[in-house]
Amino acid sequence: MVDPRAWAHQVKLLNFYNYSHVTPRRLMKIGPSCAISPTATFAYGNRIQLGARVLVGENARLWAGPGVATITIGDDTMLGPNVLITASDYRFRDGAPINRQAMNEHAISIGADVWVGGGAIILAGAEIGDGAVIAAGAVVRGVIPAMKVAAGVPARVVGHREIGSNKIL
């Protein structure tokens, strides 16, 4: 309790929470009745849009990228714990160290009524249609059509949903 390093660490944690959750959240477009975990983190909140009643799980990370890429999430979508959504990545073949290379950025669009399972990763350029389900641990790059169930690394369609029948095939 007397060690000043413990108190200094608390200041660092508060600073991290401010720049990774509080400040970006103020810049985001957030629909009504969203539930966002206090441990979720955001980068470039001015380019992140959440529809109505979106649920963002514990330790989810939404990174819109430092340039122009956007993340748009439709109404009634659920993001499980530890989901990563990143609209940018580094190039790695430009002949320089990776951290000095330009970034590739592409918008991400996640439709309405989508469930993204825990630990899933949604990469730059992904488009997920309305009503889709992304399995836990899946890695999505590209297009997942509406009402499809996708799983795996890389994610591929393994089934589909039927609304009103309580049946998943």
N, C-alpha and C. Protein backbone atom coordinates (compact mmCIF):
# COMPACT_ATOMS: atom_id res chain seq x y z
N MET A 1 0.82 -1.20 0.00
CA MET A 1 0.00 0.00 0.00
C MET A 1 0.86 1.26 0.00
N VAL A 2 2.07 1.17 0.47
CA VAL A 2 2.91 2.36 0.59
C VAL A 2 3.81 2.52 -0.64
N ASP A 3 3.99 1.46 -1.41
CA ASP A 3 4.88 1.50 -2.57
C ASP A 3 4.32 2.45 -3.64
N PRO A 4 5.04 3.50 -3.99
CA PRO A 4 4.53 4.46 -4.98
C PRO A 4 4.39 3.86 -6.37
N ARG A 5 5.12 2.77 -6.65
CA ARG A 5 4.99 2.13 -7.97
C ARG A 5 3.60 1.57 -8.18
N ALA A 6 2.97 1.08 -7.12
CA ALA A 6 1.60 0.57 -7.24
C ALA A 6 0.64 1.70 -7.64
N TRP A 7 0.81 2.86 -7.05
CA TRP A 7 -0.05 4.00 -7.39
C TRP A 7 0.24 4.50 -8.80
N ALA A 8 1.51 4.49 -9.19
CA ALA A 8 1.87 4.91 -10.55
C ALA A 8 1.24 3.98 -11.58
N HIS A 9 1.20 2.68 -11.25
CA HIS A 9 0.57 1.71 -12.16
C HIS A 9 -0.93 2.00 -12.29
N GLN A 10 -1.58 2.40 -11.22
CA GLN A 10 -3.00 2.75 -11.28
C GLN A 10 -3.23 3.92 -12.23
N VAL A 11 -2.34 4.88 -12.21
CA VAL A 11 -2.45 6.02 -13.13
C VAL A 11 -2.31 5.55 -14.57
N LYS A 12 -1.38 4.63 -14.82
CA LYS A 12 -1.21 4.09 -16.17
C LYS A 12 -2.46 3.35 -16.63
N LEU A 13 -3.07 2.58 -15.74
CA LEU A 13 -4.30 1.86 -16.09
C LEU A 13 -5.44 2.83 -16.40
N LEU A 14 -5.56 3.86 -15.61
CA LEU A 14 -6.60 4.87 -15.84
C LEU A 14 -6.36 5.57 -17.17
N ASN A 15 -5.12 5.89 -17.49
CA ASN A 15 -4.79 6.51 -18.76
C ASN A 15 -5.14 5.58 -19.93
N PHE A 16 -4.79 4.29 -19.81
CA PHE A 16 -5.13 3.32 -20.85
C PHE A 16 -6.63 3.26 -21.06
N TYR A 17 -7.39 3.17 -19.99
CA TYR A 17 -8.85 3.10 -20.09
C TYR A 17 -9.40 4.35 -20.77
N ASN A 18 -8.83 5.50 -20.46
CA ASN A 18 -9.30 6.74 -21.06
C ASN A 18 -9.06 6.76 -22.56
N TYR A 19 -7.83 6.43 -23.02
CA TYR A 19 -7.57 6.54 -24.45
C TYR A 19 -8.04 5.35 -25.26
N SER A 20 -8.37 4.22 -24.63
CA SER A 20 -8.81 3.06 -25.39
C SER A 20 -10.31 2.77 -25.25
N HIS A 21 -11.00 3.45 -24.37
CA HIS A 21 -12.42 3.19 -24.18
C HIS A 21 -13.22 4.50 -24.12
N VAL A 22 -12.90 5.34 -23.17
CA VAL A 22 -13.72 6.54 -22.91
C VAL A 22 -13.66 7.53 -24.07
N THR A 23 -12.46 7.95 -24.46
CA THR A 23 -12.33 8.96 -25.51
C THR A 23 -12.86 8.47 -26.86
N PRO A 24 -12.48 7.26 -27.34
CA PRO A 24 -13.03 6.82 -28.63
C PRO A 24 -14.54 6.65 -28.59
N ARG A 25 -15.07 6.23 -27.46
CA ARG A 25 -16.52 6.03 -27.35
C ARG A 25 -17.28 7.33 -27.53
N ARG A 26 -16.71 8.41 -27.09
CA ARG A 26 -17.34 9.72 -27.27
C ARG A 26 -17.43 10.10 -28.74
N LEU A 27 -16.54 9.56 -29.56
CA LEU A 27 -16.51 9.89 -30.98
C LEU A 27 -17.35 8.94 -31.84
N MET A 28 -17.70 7.79 -31.29
CA MET A 28 -18.44 6.77 -32.05
C MET A 28 -19.89 7.18 -32.24
N LYS A 29 -20.48 6.65 -33.31
CA LYS A 29 -21.93 6.77 -33.50
C LYS A 29 -22.52 5.50 -32.91
N ILE A 30 -23.28 5.66 -31.83
CA ILE A 30 -23.82 4.50 -31.11
C ILE A 30 -25.33 4.60 -31.09
N GLY A 31 -26.00 3.55 -31.60
CA GLY A 31 -27.45 3.52 -31.59
C GLY A 31 -28.00 3.34 -30.19
N PRO A 32 -29.32 3.48 -30.05
CA PRO A 32 -29.94 3.35 -28.73
C PRO A 32 -29.85 1.92 -28.17
N SER A 33 -29.80 1.84 -26.87
CA SER A 33 -29.87 0.58 -26.12
C SER A 33 -28.71 -0.37 -26.39
N CYS A 34 -27.55 0.16 -26.72
CA CYS A 34 -26.37 -0.69 -26.88
C CYS A 34 -25.82 -1.06 -25.50
N ALA A 35 -25.23 -2.23 -25.40
CA ALA A 35 -24.58 -2.67 -24.17
C ALA A 35 -23.13 -2.94 -24.50
N ILE A 36 -22.25 -2.12 -23.96
CA ILE A 36 -20.82 -2.20 -24.27
C ILE A 36 -20.06 -2.52 -23.00
N SER A 37 -19.31 -3.61 -23.02
CA SER A 37 -18.52 -3.99 -21.85
C SER A 37 -17.52 -2.90 -21.51
N PRO A 38 -17.31 -2.66 -20.22
CA PRO A 38 -16.30 -1.66 -19.84
C PRO A 38 -14.88 -2.08 -20.17
N THR A 39 -14.66 -3.36 -20.51
CA THR A 39 -13.32 -3.80 -20.89
C THR A 39 -13.12 -3.83 -22.40
N ALA A 40 -14.13 -3.44 -23.18
CA ALA A 40 -13.97 -3.34 -24.63
C ALA A 40 -13.08 -2.15 -24.95
N THR A 41 -12.26 -2.28 -26.00
CA THR A 41 -11.39 -1.18 -26.40
C THR A 41 -11.65 -0.81 -27.85
N PHE A 42 -11.41 0.47 -28.15
CA PHE A 42 -11.70 1.02 -29.47
C PHE A 42 -10.55 1.89 -29.92
N ALA A 43 -10.30 1.93 -31.22
CA ALA A 43 -9.32 2.86 -31.79
C ALA A 43 -9.98 3.56 -32.96
N TYR A 44 -9.79 4.87 -33.02
CA TYR A 44 -10.35 5.70 -34.08
C TYR A 44 -11.88 5.62 -34.08
N GLY A 45 -12.44 5.93 -32.93
CA GLY A 45 -13.89 5.84 -32.73
C GLY A 45 -14.70 6.69 -33.68
N ASN A 46 -14.12 7.74 -34.25
CA ASN A 46 -14.87 8.57 -35.19
C ASN A 46 -15.23 7.82 -36.47
N ARG A 47 -14.65 6.64 -36.69
CA ARG A 47 -14.98 5.83 -37.87
C ARG A 47 -15.61 4.50 -37.50
N ILE A 48 -16.21 4.43 -36.30
CA ILE A 48 -16.92 3.22 -35.86
C ILE A 48 -18.37 3.58 -35.62
N GLN A 49 -19.27 2.76 -36.18
CA GLN A 49 -20.70 2.99 -36.01
C GLN A 49 -21.37 1.71 -35.55
N LEU A 50 -22.11 1.81 -34.41
CA LEU A 50 -22.87 0.68 -33.88
C LEU A 50 -24.34 0.97 -34.04
N GLY A 51 -25.10 0.00 -34.55
CA GLY A 51 -26.54 0.15 -34.66
C GLY A 51 -27.22 0.03 -33.30
N ALA A 52 -28.53 0.02 -33.32
CA ALA A 52 -29.33 -0.11 -32.10
C ALA A 52 -29.18 -1.50 -31.49
N ARG A 53 -29.15 -1.55 -30.17
CA ARG A 53 -29.17 -2.79 -29.39
C ARG A 53 -27.97 -3.71 -29.68
N VAL A 54 -26.85 -3.15 -30.09
CA VAL A 54 -25.64 -3.94 -30.29
C VAL A 54 -25.05 -4.29 -28.93
N LEU A 55 -24.59 -5.52 -28.79
CA LEU A 55 -23.93 -5.98 -27.57
C LEU A 55 -22.45 -6.21 -27.88
N VAL A 56 -21.58 -5.57 -27.12
CA VAL A 56 -20.13 -5.72 -27.30
C VAL A 56 -19.59 -6.40 -26.06
N GLY A 57 -19.05 -7.61 -26.23
CA GLY A 57 -18.60 -8.43 -25.10
C GLY A 57 -17.29 -8.01 -24.49
N GLU A 58 -16.94 -8.69 -23.41
CA GLU A 58 -15.73 -8.40 -22.65
C GLU A 58 -14.49 -8.52 -23.53
N ASN A 59 -13.59 -7.57 -23.36
CA ASN A 59 -12.30 -7.56 -24.04
C ASN A 59 -12.39 -7.54 -25.57
N ALA A 60 -13.54 -7.19 -26.11
CA ALA A 60 -13.64 -7.02 -27.57
C ALA A 60 -12.80 -5.82 -27.97
N ARG A 61 -12.21 -5.88 -29.17
CA ARG A 61 -11.37 -4.80 -29.66
C ARG A 61 -11.81 -4.43 -31.06
N LEU A 62 -12.14 -3.15 -31.26
CA LEU A 62 -12.54 -2.64 -32.57
C LEU A 62 -11.53 -1.59 -32.98
N TRP A 63 -10.81 -1.84 -34.08
CA TRP A 63 -9.74 -0.98 -34.55
C TRP A 63 -10.09 -0.53 -35.97
N ALA A 64 -10.46 0.73 -36.13
CA ALA A 64 -10.82 1.24 -37.46
C ALA A 64 -9.60 1.59 -38.28
N GLY A 65 -8.43 1.69 -37.70
CA GLY A 65 -7.22 2.01 -38.44
C GLY A 65 -6.95 3.50 -38.46
N PRO A 66 -5.71 3.88 -38.70
CA PRO A 66 -5.32 5.28 -38.60
C PRO A 66 -5.68 6.15 -39.80
N GLY A 67 -6.14 5.56 -40.89
CA GLY A 67 -6.41 6.34 -42.11
C GLY A 67 -7.87 6.66 -42.32
N VAL A 68 -8.51 5.89 -43.19
CA VAL A 68 -9.88 6.21 -43.59
C VAL A 68 -10.87 5.05 -43.42
N ALA A 69 -10.40 3.86 -43.07
CA ALA A 69 -11.29 2.70 -42.99
C ALA A 69 -12.34 2.86 -41.90
N THR A 70 -13.50 2.27 -42.13
CA THR A 70 -14.61 2.36 -41.19
C THR A 70 -15.04 0.96 -40.76
N ILE A 71 -15.70 0.92 -39.61
CA ILE A 71 -16.35 -0.30 -39.12
C ILE A 71 -17.81 0.06 -38.89
N THR A 72 -18.71 -0.66 -39.55
CA THR A 72 -20.14 -0.43 -39.40
C THR A 72 -20.79 -1.73 -38.94
N ILE A 73 -21.53 -1.66 -37.85
CA ILE A 73 -22.18 -2.84 -37.28
C ILE A 73 -23.67 -2.56 -37.18
N GLY A 74 -24.50 -3.46 -37.74
CA GLY A 74 -25.94 -3.28 -37.80
C GLY A 74 -26.65 -3.54 -36.49
N ASP A 75 -27.94 -3.22 -36.49
CA ASP A 75 -28.80 -3.39 -35.31
C ASP A 75 -28.82 -4.85 -34.83
N ASP A 76 -28.97 -5.01 -33.52
CA ASP A 76 -29.20 -6.32 -32.87
C ASP A 76 -28.06 -7.32 -33.07
N THR A 77 -26.86 -6.83 -33.30
CA THR A 77 -25.71 -7.70 -33.48
C THR A 77 -25.03 -7.92 -32.13
N MET A 78 -24.49 -9.13 -31.95
CA MET A 78 -23.79 -9.48 -30.71
C MET A 78 -22.34 -9.84 -31.02
N LEU A 79 -21.42 -9.21 -30.30
CA LEU A 79 -20.01 -9.54 -30.39
C LEU A 79 -19.62 -10.23 -29.09
N GLY A 80 -19.16 -11.46 -29.17
CA GLY A 80 -18.79 -12.21 -27.98
C GLY A 80 -17.51 -11.69 -27.35
N PRO A 81 -17.07 -12.31 -26.28
CA PRO A 81 -15.85 -11.88 -25.62
C PRO A 81 -14.62 -12.12 -26.49
N ASN A 82 -13.65 -11.24 -26.36
CA ASN A 82 -12.35 -11.37 -27.05
C ASN A 82 -12.44 -11.34 -28.57
N VAL A 83 -13.48 -10.73 -29.11
CA VAL A 83 -13.59 -10.56 -30.56
C VAL A 83 -12.65 -9.44 -30.98
N LEU A 84 -11.95 -9.63 -32.10
CA LEU A 84 -11.09 -8.60 -32.66
C LEU A 84 -11.63 -8.23 -34.04
N ILE A 85 -11.88 -6.94 -34.23
CA ILE A 85 -12.31 -6.43 -35.54
C ILE A 85 -11.29 -5.37 -35.93
N THR A 86 -10.53 -5.62 -36.98
CA THR A 86 -9.48 -4.69 -37.39
C THR A 86 -9.62 -4.35 -38.87
N ALA A 87 -9.73 -3.08 -39.16
CA ALA A 87 -9.92 -2.61 -40.53
C ALA A 87 -8.59 -2.28 -41.20
N SER A 88 -7.47 -2.63 -40.57
CA SER A 88 -6.17 -2.35 -41.18
C SER A 88 -5.17 -3.43 -40.82
N ASP A 89 -4.16 -3.56 -41.67
CA ASP A 89 -3.05 -4.46 -41.38
C ASP A 89 -1.80 -3.92 -42.05
N TYR A 90 -0.65 -4.40 -41.63
CA TYR A 90 0.61 -3.94 -42.20
C TYR A 90 0.96 -4.73 -43.45
N ARG A 91 1.59 -4.04 -44.37
CA ARG A 91 2.20 -4.72 -45.51
C ARG A 91 3.45 -5.42 -44.99
N PHE A 92 3.92 -6.41 -45.71
CA PHE A 92 5.13 -7.09 -45.24
C PHE A 92 6.07 -7.47 -46.37
N ARG A 93 5.87 -6.91 -47.55
CA ARG A 93 6.74 -7.25 -48.68
C ARG A 93 7.35 -6.02 -49.34
N ASP A 94 7.36 -4.89 -48.68
CA ASP A 94 7.86 -3.66 -49.30
C ASP A 94 9.36 -3.47 -49.14
N GLY A 95 10.08 -4.42 -48.57
CA GLY A 95 11.53 -4.33 -48.45
C GLY A 95 12.03 -3.50 -47.29
N ALA A 96 11.18 -3.22 -46.33
CA ALA A 96 11.58 -2.46 -45.14
C ALA A 96 11.03 -3.21 -43.93
N PRO A 97 11.52 -2.87 -42.73
CA PRO A 97 10.93 -3.49 -41.54
C PRO A 97 9.41 -3.26 -41.50
N ILE A 98 8.70 -4.22 -41.02
CA ILE A 98 7.23 -4.17 -41.05
C ILE A 98 6.69 -2.91 -40.40
N ASN A 99 7.25 -2.50 -39.28
CA ASN A 99 6.70 -1.35 -38.58
C ASN A 99 6.97 -0.02 -39.30
N ARG A 100 7.73 -0.06 -40.41
CA ARG A 100 7.95 1.14 -41.21
C ARG A 100 7.18 1.11 -42.53
N GLN A 101 6.46 0.05 -42.76
CA GLN A 101 5.72 -0.08 -44.01
C GLN A 101 4.33 0.53 -43.87
N ALA A 102 3.75 0.87 -45.01
CA ALA A 102 2.41 1.42 -45.03
C ALA A 102 1.40 0.37 -44.57
N MET A 103 0.24 0.84 -44.19
CA MET A 103 -0.83 -0.07 -43.79
C MET A 103 -1.86 -0.18 -44.91
N ASN A 104 -2.46 -1.34 -45.02
CA ASN A 104 -3.60 -1.53 -45.91
C ASN A 104 -4.85 -1.33 -45.07
N GLU A 105 -5.80 -0.58 -45.58
CA GLU A 105 -7.05 -0.36 -44.86
C GLU A 105 -8.23 -0.64 -45.78
N HIS A 106 -9.23 -1.31 -45.24
CA HIS A 106 -10.46 -1.59 -45.97
C HIS A 106 -11.62 -1.58 -44.98
N ALA A 107 -12.73 -1.02 -45.38
CA ALA A 107 -13.91 -0.93 -44.52
C ALA A 107 -14.42 -2.31 -44.16
N ILE A 108 -15.03 -2.41 -42.99
CA ILE A 108 -15.68 -3.63 -42.53
C ILE A 108 -17.15 -3.33 -42.35
N SER A 109 -17.99 -4.23 -42.86
CA SER A 109 -19.44 -4.08 -42.73
C SER A 109 -20.00 -5.37 -42.12
N ILE A 110 -20.66 -5.22 -40.97
CA ILE A 110 -21.31 -6.35 -40.32
C ILE A 110 -22.79 -6.01 -40.26
N GLY A 111 -23.62 -6.87 -40.81
CA GLY A 111 -25.05 -6.59 -40.92
C GLY A 111 -25.79 -6.65 -39.60
N ALA A 112 -27.11 -6.58 -39.71
CA ALA A 112 -27.99 -6.65 -38.55
C ALA A 112 -28.22 -8.11 -38.14
N ASP A 113 -28.50 -8.32 -36.85
CA ASP A 113 -28.83 -9.64 -36.32
C ASP A 113 -27.72 -10.67 -36.57
N VAL A 114 -26.49 -10.23 -36.41
CA VAL A 114 -25.32 -11.10 -36.58
C VAL A 114 -24.80 -11.48 -35.21
N TRP A 115 -24.35 -12.72 -35.07
CA TRP A 115 -23.72 -13.17 -33.84
C TRP A 115 -22.28 -13.54 -34.18
N VAL A 116 -21.33 -12.84 -33.55
CA VAL A 116 -19.91 -13.13 -33.73
C VAL A 116 -19.45 -13.79 -32.43
N GLY A 117 -19.09 -15.06 -32.51
CA GLY A 117 -18.71 -15.83 -31.33
C GLY A 117 -17.38 -15.40 -30.74
N GLY A 118 -17.17 -15.78 -29.50
CA GLY A 118 -15.98 -15.41 -28.75
C GLY A 118 -14.69 -15.76 -29.46
N GLY A 119 -13.74 -14.83 -29.42
CA GLY A 119 -12.43 -15.07 -29.99
C GLY A 119 -12.36 -15.00 -31.50
N ALA A 120 -13.45 -14.67 -32.16
CA ALA A 120 -13.42 -14.54 -33.62
C ALA A 120 -12.62 -13.31 -34.01
N ILE A 121 -12.05 -13.35 -35.22
CA ILE A 121 -11.28 -12.24 -35.75
C ILE A 121 -11.90 -11.85 -37.08
N ILE A 122 -12.23 -10.57 -37.21
CA ILE A 122 -12.81 -10.04 -38.44
C ILE A 122 -11.75 -9.12 -39.04
N LEU A 123 -11.26 -9.45 -40.23
CA LEU A 123 -10.16 -8.72 -40.85
C LEU A 123 -10.63 -7.66 -41.82
N ALA A 124 -9.71 -6.79 -42.19
CA ALA A 124 -9.99 -5.68 -43.11
C ALA A 124 -10.68 -6.17 -44.37
N GLY A 125 -11.72 -5.45 -44.78
CA GLY A 125 -12.44 -5.77 -45.99
C GLY A 125 -13.56 -6.78 -45.82
N ALA A 126 -13.77 -7.31 -44.63
CA ALA A 126 -14.81 -8.30 -44.42
C ALA A 126 -16.20 -7.68 -44.57
N GLU A 127 -17.10 -8.46 -45.15
CA GLU A 127 -18.51 -8.08 -45.26
C GLU A 127 -19.32 -9.27 -44.77
N ILE A 128 -20.08 -9.05 -43.71
CA ILE A 128 -20.88 -10.12 -43.12
C ILE A 128 -22.34 -9.72 -43.27
N GLY A 129 -23.12 -10.55 -43.95
CA GLY A 129 -24.52 -10.25 -44.24
C GLY A 129 -25.42 -10.37 -43.03
N ASP A 130 -26.62 -9.79 -43.15
CA ASP A 130 -27.62 -9.83 -42.09
C ASP A 130 -27.92 -11.27 -41.66
N GLY A 131 -28.05 -11.47 -40.37
CA GLY A 131 -28.46 -12.77 -39.84
C GLY A 131 -27.39 -13.83 -39.82
N ALA A 132 -26.17 -13.51 -40.20
CA ALA A 132 -25.10 -14.51 -40.22
C ALA A 132 -24.64 -14.84 -38.80
N VAL A 133 -24.01 -15.99 -38.66
CA VAL A 133 -23.40 -16.42 -37.41
C VAL A 133 -21.94 -16.74 -37.71
N ILE A 134 -21.06 -16.16 -36.93
CA ILE A 134 -19.62 -16.42 -37.06
C ILE A 134 -19.21 -17.23 -35.84
N ALA A 135 -18.72 -18.43 -36.06
CA ALA A 135 -18.37 -19.33 -34.95
C ALA A 135 -17.22 -18.79 -34.12
N ALA A 136 -17.17 -19.22 -32.89
CA ALA A 136 -16.08 -18.85 -31.99
C ALA A 136 -14.75 -19.24 -32.62
N GLY A 137 -13.78 -18.33 -32.56
CA GLY A 137 -12.45 -18.62 -33.06
C GLY A 137 -12.28 -18.52 -34.56
N ALA A 138 -13.33 -18.21 -35.30
CA ALA A 138 -13.23 -18.11 -36.76
C ALA A 138 -12.44 -16.86 -37.15
N VAL A 139 -11.83 -16.90 -38.33
CA VAL A 139 -11.12 -15.75 -38.88
C VAL A 139 -11.79 -15.41 -40.21
N VAL A 140 -12.41 -14.23 -40.27
CA VAL A 140 -13.18 -13.83 -41.44
C VAL A 140 -12.43 -12.79 -42.25
N ARG A 141 -12.24 -13.10 -43.52
CA ARG A 141 -11.72 -12.15 -44.49
C ARG A 141 -12.52 -12.38 -45.76
N GLY A 142 -13.15 -11.36 -46.28
CA GLY A 142 -13.97 -11.53 -47.45
C GLY A 142 -15.44 -11.45 -47.09
N VAL A 143 -16.27 -12.13 -47.87
CA VAL A 143 -17.72 -12.01 -47.76
C VAL A 143 -18.33 -13.27 -47.15
N ILE A 144 -19.17 -13.06 -46.14
CA ILE A 144 -20.02 -14.13 -45.60
C ILE A 144 -21.45 -13.69 -45.92
N PRO A 145 -22.18 -14.44 -46.74
CA PRO A 145 -23.53 -14.03 -47.14
C PRO A 145 -24.51 -14.01 -45.96
N ALA A 146 -25.61 -13.33 -46.17
CA ALA A 146 -26.68 -13.24 -45.17
C ALA A 146 -27.19 -14.63 -44.81
N MET A 147 -27.53 -14.79 -43.53
CA MET A 147 -28.16 -16.00 -42.99
C MET A 147 -27.28 -17.25 -43.05
N LYS A 148 -25.98 -17.08 -43.22
CA LYS A 148 -25.07 -18.22 -43.27
C LYS A 148 -24.33 -18.37 -41.96
N VAL A 149 -23.92 -19.58 -41.64
CA VAL A 149 -23.10 -19.89 -40.48
C VAL A 149 -21.70 -20.17 -41.01
N ALA A 150 -20.71 -19.44 -40.48
CA ALA A 150 -19.34 -19.60 -40.95
C ALA A 150 -18.45 -20.00 -39.78
N ALA A 151 -17.49 -20.88 -40.06
CA ALA A 151 -16.57 -21.37 -39.03
C ALA A 151 -15.22 -21.65 -39.67
N GLY A 152 -14.20 -21.69 -38.84
CA GLY A 152 -12.88 -22.12 -39.29
C GLY A 152 -11.91 -21.00 -39.53
N VAL A 153 -10.68 -21.43 -39.89
CA VAL A 153 -9.59 -20.50 -40.19
C VAL A 153 -8.99 -20.94 -41.51
N PRO A 154 -9.24 -20.24 -42.57
CA PRO A 154 -10.13 -19.09 -42.69
C PRO A 154 -11.60 -19.53 -42.63
N ALA A 155 -12.46 -18.59 -42.26
CA ALA A 155 -13.89 -18.92 -42.12
C ALA A 155 -14.48 -19.32 -43.47
N ARG A 156 -15.31 -20.34 -43.43
CA ARG A 156 -16.05 -20.76 -44.63
C ARG A 156 -17.46 -21.11 -44.19
N VAL A 157 -18.39 -21.05 -45.11
CA VAL A 157 -19.79 -21.33 -44.80
C VAL A 157 -19.95 -22.81 -44.51
N VAL A 158 -20.56 -23.11 -43.34
CA VAL A 158 -20.78 -24.50 -42.94
C VAL A 158 -22.26 -24.81 -42.72
N GLY A 159 -23.13 -23.80 -42.82
CA GLY A 159 -24.56 -24.00 -42.62
C GLY A 159 -25.31 -22.71 -42.85
N HIS A 160 -26.61 -22.75 -42.51
CA HIS A 160 -27.42 -21.54 -42.66
C HIS A 160 -28.48 -21.48 -41.58
N ARG A 161 -29.04 -20.27 -41.39
CA ARG A 161 -30.09 -20.03 -40.40
C ARG A 161 -31.43 -19.92 -41.09
N GLU A 162 -32.47 -20.27 -40.36
CA GLU A 162 -33.85 -20.05 -40.81
C GLU A 162 -34.58 -19.31 -39.71
N ILE A 163 -35.02 -18.11 -40.00
CA ILE A 163 -35.74 -17.32 -39.02
C ILE A 163 -37.14 -17.88 -38.81
N GLY A 164 -37.57 -17.93 -37.57
CA GLY A 164 -38.93 -18.37 -37.26
C GLY A 164 -39.06 -19.87 -37.06
N SER A 165 -38.04 -20.61 -37.39
CA SER A 165 -38.16 -22.06 -37.24
C SER A 165 -37.34 -22.59 -36.08
N ASN A 166 -36.53 -21.70 -35.45
CA ASN A 166 -35.62 -22.12 -34.39
C ASN A 166 -34.72 -23.26 -34.85
N LYS A 167 -34.41 -23.25 -36.14
CA LYS A 167 -33.64 -24.34 -36.71
C LYS A 167 -32.36 -23.79 -37.35
N ILE A 168 -31.24 -24.37 -37.00
CA ILE A 168 -29.98 -24.02 -37.64
C ILE A 168 -29.47 -25.27 -38.34
N LEU A 169 -29.24 -25.15 -39.61
CA LEU A 169 -28.75 -26.29 -40.39
C LEU A 169 -27.26 -26.17 -40.64
